[in-house]
Amino acid sequence: MQSVVIATRASPLALWQAEHVQSVLRAAHPQLSVQLLRLSTRGDEVLDRSLAKIGGKGLFIKELEVALMDGRADLAVHSFKDVPMLLEPQFEIGAVLEREDPRDCLVSARFGALEEMPAGSRVGTSSLRRELAMRIHFPQLQVSAVRGNVGTRLAKQERGEFEALIMAAAGLKRLGLADRIRQILPTTQFLPAPAQGALAIEIRAGDARIAQLIAPLEHAPTRAATRAERMVSRGLGGSCQVPLAAYAEVEHGQLRLRAWAGNLAQARAVQATAVGTFEQAEALGRAVVDQMKAQGVEQLLGAVSEAG
């Protein structure tokens, strides 16, 4: 019997994602043995500082990559938005699964919408992108950083540390917590992060056996959309220190890519849009970056670097 080992973080959401891939693989290959290898990552362990200050989202995948390289695991399951724009050459994204809801949402015990919240209300978020969107569209509200897994953040809100949280809808839905969502936030105000809501399977580069096993999990529209979005981030040197959004929707068989990036201190952002075919995904990303550069985005982001 063939066997496969999936490396995963030990957080509840990461385990859900790995178990989802496990069940889909078993359905596609009934004779396949699929086991999980649970690992702790530095991104999970250091919760008293922002991701930007401790090394970025790549901290969530390093230990999993070590397990791939030393043979303890055959594949790793990631929230695609946590995967660095450029992988080390010994790894590749073997499959991108169909996307869950990519939008942000409001979680609050007291308020049903951001528009209902009185001035000075405290809103927690783990993302500079969401913080900038808040400062642009809801400057009267007080935004604070909140780290930790989904359960940890919800507990902080329940203890009264925040009147509300802004979170990814996908994570709550996957954990069976959709009833905590009070408002799905419009993408006109809260454009998602590149690849938000998508799962990626990382494998060793050139591993034909694993690539063939996971091939049935590939979702071409999600792969094309996330390729366009991640190209925007790559083109602007995207990291946790850059408030940046990019979201490609499939419309009439084509991709419509929207993106923005900006400066938190100035509460300013520039935005751009491009439309094209799936095959033009990366070209769309580059076109959007060129539009934003023509509007002075590099000066805005340069001000971010100097401030940091």
Protein backbone atom coordinates (compact mmCIF):
# COMPACT_ATOMS: atom_id res chain seq x y z
CA MET A 1 0.00 0.00 0.00
CA GLN A 2 1.27 3.46 -0.89
CA SER A 3 1.59 5.93 1.96
CA VAL A 4 1.78 9.70 2.26
CA VAL A 5 2.66 11.86 5.27
CA ILE A 6 1.27 15.40 5.52
CA ALA A 7 3.22 17.97 7.56
CA THR A 8 0.96 20.45 9.34
CA ARG A 9 1.03 23.08 12.03
CA ALA A 10 -0.75 22.03 15.21
CA SER A 11 -3.21 24.92 15.41
CA PRO A 12 -6.91 23.99 15.07
CA LEU A 13 -7.29 25.71 11.69
CA ALA A 14 -4.09 24.19 10.30
CA LEU A 15 -5.22 20.75 11.48
CA TRP A 16 -8.62 21.25 9.83
CA GLN A 17 -6.85 22.11 6.57
CA ALA A 18 -4.54 19.10 6.76
CA GLU A 19 -7.41 16.76 7.67
CA HIS A 20 -9.41 18.17 4.75
CA VAL A 21 -6.56 17.36 2.35
CA GLN A 22 -6.22 13.94 4.02
CA SER A 23 -9.91 13.16 3.41
CA VAL A 24 -9.84 14.39 -0.20
CA LEU A 25 -6.70 12.35 -0.93
CA ARG A 26 -8.29 9.24 0.59
CA ALA A 27 -11.40 9.78 -1.51
CA ALA A 28 -9.30 10.14 -4.68
CA HIS A 29 -7.08 7.15 -3.79
CA PRO A 30 -8.98 4.66 -1.57
CA GLN A 31 -5.94 2.38 -1.18
CA LEU A 32 -3.66 5.23 -0.04
CA SER A 33 -2.49 5.50 3.58
CA VAL A 34 -2.47 9.20 4.57
CA GLN A 35 -1.00 10.22 7.93
CA LEU A 36 -0.44 13.60 9.61
CA LEU A 37 2.80 14.90 11.13
CA ARG A 38 1.97 17.69 13.59
CA LEU A 39 4.65 20.35 14.07
CA SER A 40 4.98 23.58 16.00
CA THR A 41 6.32 26.63 14.13
CA ARG A 42 7.97 29.81 15.35
CA GLY A 43 5.03 31.78 13.95
CA ASP A 44 2.74 29.86 16.31
CA GLU A 45 5.06 30.13 19.30
CA VAL A 46 5.90 33.86 19.33
CA LEU A 47 2.64 35.68 20.00
CA ASP A 48 3.79 38.80 21.81
CA ARG A 49 5.20 40.51 18.71
CA SER A 50 3.84 41.24 15.24
CA LEU A 51 4.73 38.94 12.36
CA ALA A 52 6.49 41.85 10.65
CA LYS A 53 8.86 42.16 13.62
CA ILE A 54 9.77 38.48 13.99
CA GLY A 55 10.36 37.62 10.35
CA GLY A 56 7.08 37.50 8.45
CA LYS A 57 4.58 34.85 7.48
CA GLY A 58 7.30 32.47 6.27
CA LEU A 59 7.80 31.56 9.93
CA PHE A 60 4.66 29.43 9.63
CA ILE A 61 6.19 27.09 7.04
CA LYS A 62 9.92 26.69 7.79
CA GLU A 63 9.61 23.70 10.14
CA LEU A 64 7.26 22.03 7.66
CA GLU A 65 9.82 22.48 4.87
CA VAL A 66 12.51 20.91 7.05
CA ALA A 67 10.24 17.86 7.47
CA LEU A 68 9.83 17.68 3.68
CA MET A 69 13.57 17.82 3.09
CA ASP A 70 14.54 15.21 5.69
CA GLY A 71 11.86 12.80 4.47
CA ARG A 72 9.61 12.82 7.51
CA ALA A 73 6.81 14.25 5.34
CA ASP A 74 5.83 14.11 1.66
CA LEU A 75 3.73 17.24 1.46
CA ALA A 76 2.74 20.24 3.57
CA VAL A 77 -0.60 22.02 3.64
CA HIS A 78 -0.61 25.81 3.99
CA SER A 79 -2.99 28.72 3.99
CA PHE A 80 -1.71 30.05 0.66
CA LYS A 81 -1.59 33.62 1.95
CA ASP A 82 1.07 32.48 4.49
CA VAL A 83 3.39 31.16 1.77
CA PRO A 84 6.26 33.50 0.78
CA MET A 85 6.13 34.87 -2.76
CA LEU A 86 9.30 33.00 -3.76
CA LEU A 87 9.92 29.45 -2.54
CA GLU A 88 13.38 27.96 -2.16
CA PRO A 89 14.28 26.06 -5.36
CA GLN A 90 13.96 22.66 -3.68
CA PHE A 91 10.21 23.18 -3.18
CA GLU A 92 7.18 23.81 -5.37
CA ILE A 93 3.43 24.33 -5.02
CA GLY A 94 2.09 20.99 -6.25
CA ALA A 95 -1.61 21.84 -6.05
CA VAL A 96 -3.92 24.74 -5.23
CA LEU A 97 -7.34 23.71 -3.93
CA GLU A 98 -10.66 25.37 -4.66
CA ARG A 99 -10.97 28.57 -2.68
CA GLU A 100 -13.23 29.14 0.31
CA ASP A 101 -14.80 32.59 0.85
CA PRO A 102 -11.84 35.01 0.45
CA ARG A 103 -13.47 37.99 2.16
CA ASP A 104 -12.91 39.59 5.56
CA CYS A 105 -15.63 39.65 8.17
CA LEU A 106 -16.65 41.38 11.39
CA VAL A 107 -16.92 39.44 14.64
CA SER A 108 -18.62 41.24 17.52
CA ALA A 109 -20.90 40.41 20.42
CA ARG A 110 -22.41 43.91 20.42
CA PHE A 111 -22.45 45.23 16.88
CA GLY A 112 -23.80 43.86 13.62
CA ALA A 113 -21.78 46.13 11.33
CA LEU A 114 -18.79 48.46 11.41
CA GLU A 115 -21.14 51.32 10.54
CA GLU A 116 -22.98 50.78 13.85
CA MET A 117 -19.91 51.14 16.05
CA PRO A 118 -19.49 54.41 17.97
CA ALA A 119 -16.33 56.49 17.60
CA GLY A 120 -13.43 55.18 19.65
CA SER A 121 -14.61 51.56 19.62
CA ARG A 122 -11.72 49.11 19.70
CA VAL A 123 -11.31 46.81 16.69
CA GLY A 124 -8.64 44.09 16.68
CA THR A 125 -6.89 42.78 13.58
CA SER A 126 -3.76 40.78 12.81
CA SER A 127 -3.13 42.49 9.46
CA LEU A 128 -1.66 45.83 8.34
CA ARG A 129 -3.85 45.55 5.23
CA ARG A 130 -7.03 45.47 7.32
CA GLU A 131 -5.70 48.22 9.56
CA LEU A 132 -5.12 50.51 6.58
CA ALA A 133 -8.59 49.75 5.20
CA MET A 134 -10.01 50.65 8.62
CA ARG A 135 -8.09 53.93 8.76
CA ILE A 136 -9.27 54.90 5.30
CA HIS A 137 -12.94 53.90 5.60
CA PHE A 138 -13.58 54.01 9.38
CA PRO A 139 -11.08 56.53 10.80
CA GLN A 140 -13.28 57.13 13.85
CA LEU A 141 -12.62 53.61 15.16
CA GLN A 142 -9.54 52.58 17.16
CA VAL A 143 -7.54 49.75 15.57
CA SER A 144 -5.19 47.51 17.58
CA ALA A 145 -3.04 44.50 16.72
CA VAL A 146 -4.15 41.08 17.92
CA ARG A 147 -2.08 37.88 17.44
CA GLY A 148 -2.84 34.24 18.03
CA ASN A 149 -4.88 31.52 16.40
CA VAL A 150 -8.60 31.90 15.74
CA GLY A 151 -9.65 30.66 19.17
CA THR A 152 -7.16 32.90 20.98
CA ARG A 153 -8.38 35.98 19.14
CA LEU A 154 -12.03 35.15 19.76
CA ALA A 155 -11.30 34.68 23.47
CA LYS A 156 -9.68 38.13 23.66
CA GLN A 157 -12.78 39.65 22.10
CA GLU A 158 -15.02 37.76 24.53
CA ARG A 159 -12.99 39.09 27.48
CA GLY A 160 -13.74 42.61 26.34
CA GLU A 161 -10.27 43.54 25.05
CA PHE A 162 -11.96 44.56 21.78
CA GLU A 163 -15.49 45.51 20.80
CA ALA A 164 -14.94 43.70 17.51
CA LEU A 165 -12.46 41.74 15.43
CA ILE A 166 -11.83 41.72 11.70
CA MET A 167 -10.91 38.22 10.54
CA ALA A 168 -10.84 36.05 7.44
CA ALA A 169 -14.27 34.54 6.84
CA ALA A 170 -12.69 31.33 5.48
CA GLY A 171 -11.07 30.37 8.78
CA LEU A 172 -14.28 30.79 10.76
CA LYS A 173 -16.30 28.84 8.21
CA ARG A 174 -13.78 26.00 8.12
CA LEU A 175 -13.82 25.70 11.91
CA GLY A 176 -17.63 25.60 12.05
CA LEU A 177 -17.77 29.10 13.53
CA ALA A 178 -19.71 30.84 10.75
CA ASP A 179 -22.34 31.84 13.32
CA ARG A 180 -19.75 34.22 14.84
CA ILE A 181 -19.71 36.29 11.63
CA ARG A 182 -21.83 39.43 12.03
CA GLN A 183 -20.95 41.11 8.74
CA ILE A 184 -19.17 40.03 5.56
CA LEU A 185 -17.12 43.09 4.68
CA PRO A 186 -17.44 44.37 1.08
CA THR A 187 -14.38 43.99 -1.12
CA THR A 188 -14.86 47.60 -2.20
CA GLN A 189 -13.58 48.55 1.28
CA PHE A 190 -11.72 45.43 2.44
CA LEU A 191 -10.05 43.90 -0.58
CA PRO A 192 -8.62 40.49 0.43
CA ALA A 193 -4.95 39.64 0.81
CA PRO A 194 -3.28 37.76 -2.06
CA ALA A 195 -4.47 34.11 -1.99
CA GLN A 196 -6.71 34.61 1.05
CA GLY A 197 -9.08 31.66 1.49
CA ALA A 198 -7.00 29.30 -0.70
CA LEU A 199 -5.08 26.22 0.40
CA ALA A 200 -1.75 25.26 -1.19
CA ILE A 201 0.06 21.94 -1.09
CA GLU A 202 3.85 22.28 -1.01
CA ILE A 203 6.00 19.36 -2.15
CA ARG A 204 9.62 18.64 -2.94
CA ALA A 205 10.48 19.99 -6.39
CA GLY A 206 10.40 17.24 -8.99
CA ASP A 207 8.67 14.67 -6.76
CA ALA A 208 6.66 12.99 -9.52
CA ARG A 209 4.96 10.41 -7.27
CA ILE A 210 3.46 12.99 -4.92
CA ALA A 211 2.66 15.40 -7.77
CA GLN A 212 0.63 12.66 -9.46
CA LEU A 213 -1.21 11.73 -6.24
CA ILE A 214 -2.30 15.32 -5.50
CA ALA A 215 -3.16 16.22 -9.12
CA PRO A 216 -6.91 15.57 -8.59
CA LEU A 217 -6.97 18.28 -5.90
CA GLU A 218 -5.86 21.04 -8.29
CA HIS A 219 -8.45 23.78 -9.03
CA ALA A 220 -7.38 25.69 -12.15
CA PRO A 221 -9.46 28.87 -11.59
CA THR A 222 -8.08 29.26 -8.05
CA ARG A 223 -4.53 28.60 -9.28
CA ALA A 224 -4.89 31.33 -11.93
CA ALA A 225 -6.47 33.84 -9.55
CA THR A 226 -3.84 33.35 -6.85
CA ARG A 227 -1.03 33.49 -9.42
CA ALA A 228 -2.24 36.95 -10.48
CA GLU A 229 -2.62 38.11 -6.88
CA ARG A 230 0.76 36.84 -5.73
CA MET A 231 2.43 38.50 -8.73
CA VAL A 232 1.20 41.85 -7.40
CA SER A 233 2.81 41.15 -4.05
CA ARG A 234 6.03 39.97 -5.69
CA GLY A 235 6.13 43.04 -7.93
CA LEU A 236 5.84 45.37 -4.94
CA GLY A 237 8.16 43.43 -2.65
CA GLY A 238 5.17 42.40 -0.56
CA SER A 239 5.75 41.34 3.03
CA CYS A 240 4.04 41.69 6.38
CA GLN A 241 5.41 45.24 6.52
CA VAL A 242 3.51 46.38 3.41
CA PRO A 243 -0.25 46.98 3.58
CA LEU A 244 -1.24 45.36 0.30
CA ALA A 245 -4.38 43.76 -1.14
CA ALA A 246 -4.94 41.83 -4.37
CA TYR A 247 -7.99 39.86 -5.42
CA ALA A 248 -8.80 38.23 -8.76
CA GLU A 249 -12.37 37.16 -9.51
CA VAL A 250 -13.49 34.91 -12.33
CA GLU A 251 -16.00 36.82 -14.46
CA HIS A 252 -17.32 35.47 -17.79
CA GLY A 253 -14.41 33.05 -18.04
CA GLN A 254 -11.80 35.75 -17.45
CA LEU A 255 -9.92 37.13 -14.45
CA ARG A 256 -10.66 40.59 -13.08
CA LEU A 257 -7.78 41.58 -10.82
CA ARG A 258 -8.07 44.45 -8.35
CA ALA A 259 -5.25 45.57 -6.09
CA TRP A 260 -4.15 48.35 -3.77
CA ALA A 261 -1.18 49.17 -1.58
CA GLY A 262 -0.45 52.10 0.65
CA ASN A 263 0.92 53.83 3.70
CA LEU A 264 -0.56 53.26 7.15
CA ALA A 265 0.74 56.49 8.70
CA GLN A 266 -0.70 58.59 5.87
CA ALA A 267 -3.90 56.49 5.60
CA ARG A 268 -3.44 56.54 1.82
CA ALA A 269 -3.50 53.86 -0.87
CA VAL A 270 -3.32 53.65 -4.64
CA GLN A 271 -5.35 51.09 -6.55
CA ALA A 272 -5.51 49.49 -10.00
CA THR A 273 -7.51 46.96 -12.02
CA ALA A 274 -6.77 44.67 -14.98
CA VAL A 275 -8.77 42.03 -16.88
CA GLY A 276 -7.51 39.08 -18.92
CA THR A 277 -7.48 35.32 -19.47
CA PHE A 278 -6.31 32.63 -17.03
CA GLU A 279 -3.15 32.25 -19.12
CA GLN A 280 -2.42 35.96 -18.64
CA ALA A 281 -2.59 35.71 -14.83
CA GLU A 282 0.99 36.80 -14.14
CA ALA A 283 0.85 39.45 -16.87
CA LEU A 284 -2.25 40.88 -15.15
CA GLY A 285 -0.32 41.09 -11.91
CA ARG A 286 2.53 42.91 -13.63
CA ALA A 287 0.09 45.28 -15.38
CA VAL A 288 -1.52 46.20 -12.07
CA VAL A 289 1.90 46.80 -10.50
CA ASP A 290 2.86 49.07 -13.42
CA GLN A 291 -0.37 51.07 -12.99
CA MET A 292 0.27 51.48 -9.27
CA LYS A 293 3.87 52.51 -9.83
CA ALA A 294 2.66 55.16 -12.27
CA GLN A 295 0.49 56.50 -9.43
CA GLY A 296 3.45 56.76 -7.04
CA VAL A 297 3.03 53.59 -5.00
CA GLU A 298 6.81 53.20 -4.61
CA GLN A 299 6.99 56.59 -2.89
CA LEU A 300 4.16 55.58 -0.57
CA LEU A 301 5.84 52.27 0.26
CA GLY A 302 9.21 53.97 0.55
CA ALA A 303 7.74 56.12 3.29
CA VAL A 304 6.68 52.88 5.02
CA SER A 305 10.27 51.54 4.90
CA GLU A 306 11.76 54.79 6.19
CA ALA A 307 9.28 54.88 9.06
CA GLY A 308 10.17 51.27 9.93
